[in-house]
Protein backbone atom coordinates (compact mmCIF):
# COMPACT_ATOMS: atom_id res chain seq x y z
CA UNK A 1 15.97 8.25 11.57
CA UNK A 2 14.31 9.33 8.38
CA UNK A 3 12.19 7.35 5.96
CA UNK A 4 15.11 6.67 3.59
CA UNK A 5 17.30 5.27 6.37
CA UNK A 6 14.51 2.97 7.57
CA UNK A 7 13.86 1.73 4.03
CA UNK A 8 17.57 1.02 3.48
CA UNK A 9 17.73 -0.78 6.82
CA UNK A 10 14.75 -2.98 5.92
CA UNK A 11 16.28 -3.80 2.52
CA UNK A 12 19.56 -4.76 4.22
CA UNK A 13 17.72 -7.02 6.68
CA UNK A 14 15.89 -8.75 3.83
CA UNK A 15 19.12 -9.10 1.83
CA UNK A 16 21.03 -10.60 4.77
CA UNK A 17 17.99 -12.69 5.83
CA UNK A 18 17.91 -11.20 9.33
CA UNK A 19 14.61 -11.91 11.08
CA UNK A 20 14.86 -9.56 14.05
CA UNK A 21 16.74 -6.31 14.60
CA UNK A 22 16.70 -3.51 17.17
CA UNK A 23 18.48 -0.13 17.09
CA UNK A 24 18.37 2.85 19.41
CA UNK A 25 19.51 6.34 18.40
CA UNK A 26 18.96 9.04 20.97
CA UNK A 27 15.27 8.99 21.88
CA UNK A 28 14.28 6.89 18.83
CA UNK A 29 14.08 3.14 19.25
CA UNK A 30 13.36 0.93 16.22
CA UNK A 31 12.50 -2.76 16.53
CA UNK A 32 11.98 -4.77 13.33
CA UNK A 33 10.79 -8.35 13.36
CA UNK A 34 9.85 -10.27 10.25
CA UNK A 35 8.66 -13.81 9.72
CA UNK A 36 10.02 -16.25 7.17
CA UNK A 37 8.18 -16.63 3.87
CA UNK A 38 7.06 -20.17 4.72
CA UNK A 39 5.75 -19.20 8.16
CA UNK A 40 2.56 -17.42 9.11
CA UNK A 41 3.05 -13.75 10.01
CA UNK A 42 3.79 -13.22 13.70
CA UNK A 43 2.27 -9.74 13.87
CA UNK A 44 -1.54 -9.72 13.88
CA UNK A 45 -2.03 -6.80 11.48
CA UNK A 46 0.27 -8.39 8.87
CA UNK A 47 -2.60 -10.68 7.84
CA UNK A 48 -4.53 -7.70 6.41
CA UNK A 49 -2.79 -7.67 2.98
CA UNK A 50 -4.12 -11.14 2.08
CA UNK A 51 -7.75 -10.04 1.52
CA UNK A 52 -6.56 -7.05 -0.52
CA UNK A 53 -4.57 -9.34 -2.82
CA UNK A 54 -7.55 -11.67 -3.16
CA UNK A 55 -9.83 -8.76 -4.03
CA UNK A 56 -7.38 -7.57 -6.68
CA UNK A 57 -7.11 -10.95 -8.40
CA UNK A 58 -10.77 -11.95 -8.25
CA UNK A 59 -13.54 -10.14 -10.13
CA UNK A 60 -16.03 -8.44 -7.82
CA UNK A 61 -19.36 -10.18 -7.48
CA UNK A 62 -21.19 -6.94 -8.32
CA UNK A 63 -19.64 -6.76 -11.81
CA UNK A 64 -20.82 -10.28 -12.55
CA UNK A 65 -24.31 -9.60 -11.26
CA UNK A 66 -24.77 -6.38 -13.26
CA UNK A 67 -23.73 -7.98 -16.55
CA UNK A 68 -25.10 -11.55 -16.59
CA UNK A 69 -24.64 -11.86 -20.37
CA UNK A 70 -20.89 -11.53 -20.05
CA UNK A 71 -19.09 -14.80 -19.25
CA UNK A 72 -17.21 -14.92 -15.95
CA UNK A 73 -13.90 -15.69 -17.66
CA UNK A 74 -14.22 -12.65 -19.89
CA UNK A 75 -14.97 -10.44 -16.87
CA UNK A 76 -11.97 -11.85 -15.02
CA UNK A 77 -9.65 -11.38 -17.99
CA UNK A 78 -10.89 -7.82 -18.55
CA UNK A 79 -10.27 -6.91 -14.92
CA UNK A 80 -6.87 -8.61 -14.99
CA UNK A 81 -5.95 -6.54 -18.06
CA UNK A 82 -7.09 -3.38 -16.26
CA UNK A 83 -4.96 -4.32 -13.23
CA UNK A 84 -1.94 -4.95 -15.48
CA UNK A 85 -2.18 -1.41 -16.88
CA UNK A 86 -2.20 0.17 -13.41
CA UNK A 87 0.89 1.62 -11.79
CA UNK A 88 0.88 0.66 -8.13
CA UNK A 89 2.08 3.14 -5.51
CA UNK A 90 3.39 1.00 -2.66
CA UNK A 91 4.06 1.79 0.96
CA UNK A 92 7.75 2.48 1.57
CA UNK A 93 7.37 1.88 5.33
CA UNK A 94 5.29 0.12 7.96
CA UNK A 95 2.81 2.40 9.68
CA UNK A 96 -0.73 3.78 9.70
CA UNK A 97 -2.31 5.12 6.48
CA UNK A 98 -4.01 8.53 6.54
CA UNK A 99 -5.67 10.02 3.48
CA UNK A 100 -5.73 13.58 4.88
CA UNK A 101 -3.41 15.88 6.83
CA UNK A 102 -5.83 16.04 9.77
CA UNK A 103 -9.15 14.40 10.72
CA UNK A 104 -11.31 17.33 9.50
CA UNK A 105 -9.37 17.99 6.30
CA UNK A 106 -10.35 16.71 2.84
CA UNK A 107 -8.27 13.80 1.49
CA UNK A 108 -5.12 14.63 -0.49
CA UNK A 109 -6.52 12.66 -3.45
CA UNK A 110 -9.56 10.55 -4.24
CA UNK A 111 -10.45 8.07 -6.96
CA UNK A 112 -10.81 9.92 -10.26
CA UNK A 113 -8.30 12.68 -9.46
CA UNK A 114 -5.46 13.40 -11.86
CA UNK A 115 -2.09 13.44 -10.12
CA UNK A 116 1.40 14.49 -11.14
CA UNK A 117 4.65 12.82 -10.18
CA UNK A 118 5.78 14.18 -6.82
CA UNK A 119 2.26 15.13 -5.66
CA UNK A 120 1.42 14.10 -2.08
CA UNK A 121 -1.09 11.20 -2.05
CA UNK A 122 -1.31 10.34 1.64
CA UNK A 123 0.51 10.25 4.95
CA UNK A 124 1.89 7.19 6.71
CA UNK A 125 2.52 7.60 10.41
CA UNK A 126 5.45 5.59 11.71
CA UNK A 127 6.84 6.01 15.23
CA UNK A 128 4.89 9.27 15.72
CA UNK A 129 6.41 10.72 12.52
CA UNK A 130 4.15 11.79 9.66
CA UNK A 131 5.68 10.71 6.33
CA UNK A 132 4.21 12.21 3.16
CA UNK A 133 3.91 9.64 0.38
CA UNK A 134 4.26 11.13 -3.08
CA UNK A 135 3.13 9.83 -6.47
CA UNK A 136 5.99 8.24 -8.37
CA UNK A 137 4.05 8.46 -11.65
CA UNK A 138 1.57 10.82 -13.28
CA UNK A 139 -1.93 9.71 -14.20
CA UNK A 140 -5.41 9.20 -12.79
CA UNK A 141 -6.12 7.58 -9.42
CA UNK A 142 -8.18 4.51 -10.29
CA UNK A 143 -8.08 2.60 -7.00
CA UNK A 144 -7.34 3.22 -3.36
CA UNK A 145 -6.42 -0.11 -1.81
CA UNK A 146 -6.26 1.00 1.84
CA UNK A 147 -8.89 2.55 4.11
CA UNK A 148 -8.16 5.62 6.20
CA UNK A 149 -6.60 4.75 9.57
CA UNK A 150 -5.61 1.22 8.50
CA UNK A 151 -2.22 -0.32 9.25
CA UNK A 152 0.03 -0.83 6.21
CA UNK A 153 3.09 -2.98 5.66
CA UNK A 154 6.24 -2.33 3.67
CA UNK A 155 5.56 -2.89 -0.06
CA UNK A 156 1.78 -2.99 0.35
CA UNK A 157 -0.12 -1.30 -2.54
CA UNK A 158 -1.77 1.98 -1.56
CA UNK A 159 -3.07 3.42 -4.85
CA UNK A 160 -3.51 2.29 -8.44
CA UNK A 161 -2.67 4.96 -11.01
CA UNK A 162 -3.70 4.65 -14.64
CA UNK A 163 -0.95 6.24 -16.71
CA UNK A 164 -2.64 8.15 -19.50
């Protein structure tokens, strides 16, 4: 199975509201299990996106401490405006995020790099397959939301790109 087939399968499961699915093709076995929106996630590493979302919506304490003359609401609204202008590159699959091709190699991109549409940003390993994730917009990498070696979920933001 390739990345496109897995993505289409996940979209079909969401559309048909199927909570658990298993398929076996040759030596590849895929088991997908998702929880309902009202229920707590059943997979332990699915809880990781919550702190990321909280960090995105709340202003960092360091920005408030370095500029005490600026009201907290102004800092929050400025950061919210910055977040609104970012293009988010999201994970198309569930897997493990890697910022480089191998452990000793430099990362594909880092914060501050200018990227072009189609440029490889990272790799997500899923079922022992290395899937290159490409930029779907040109601009400057402003944020990296995921740490190297961390598990990622489908639709989870990986990078924030400022389109300039």
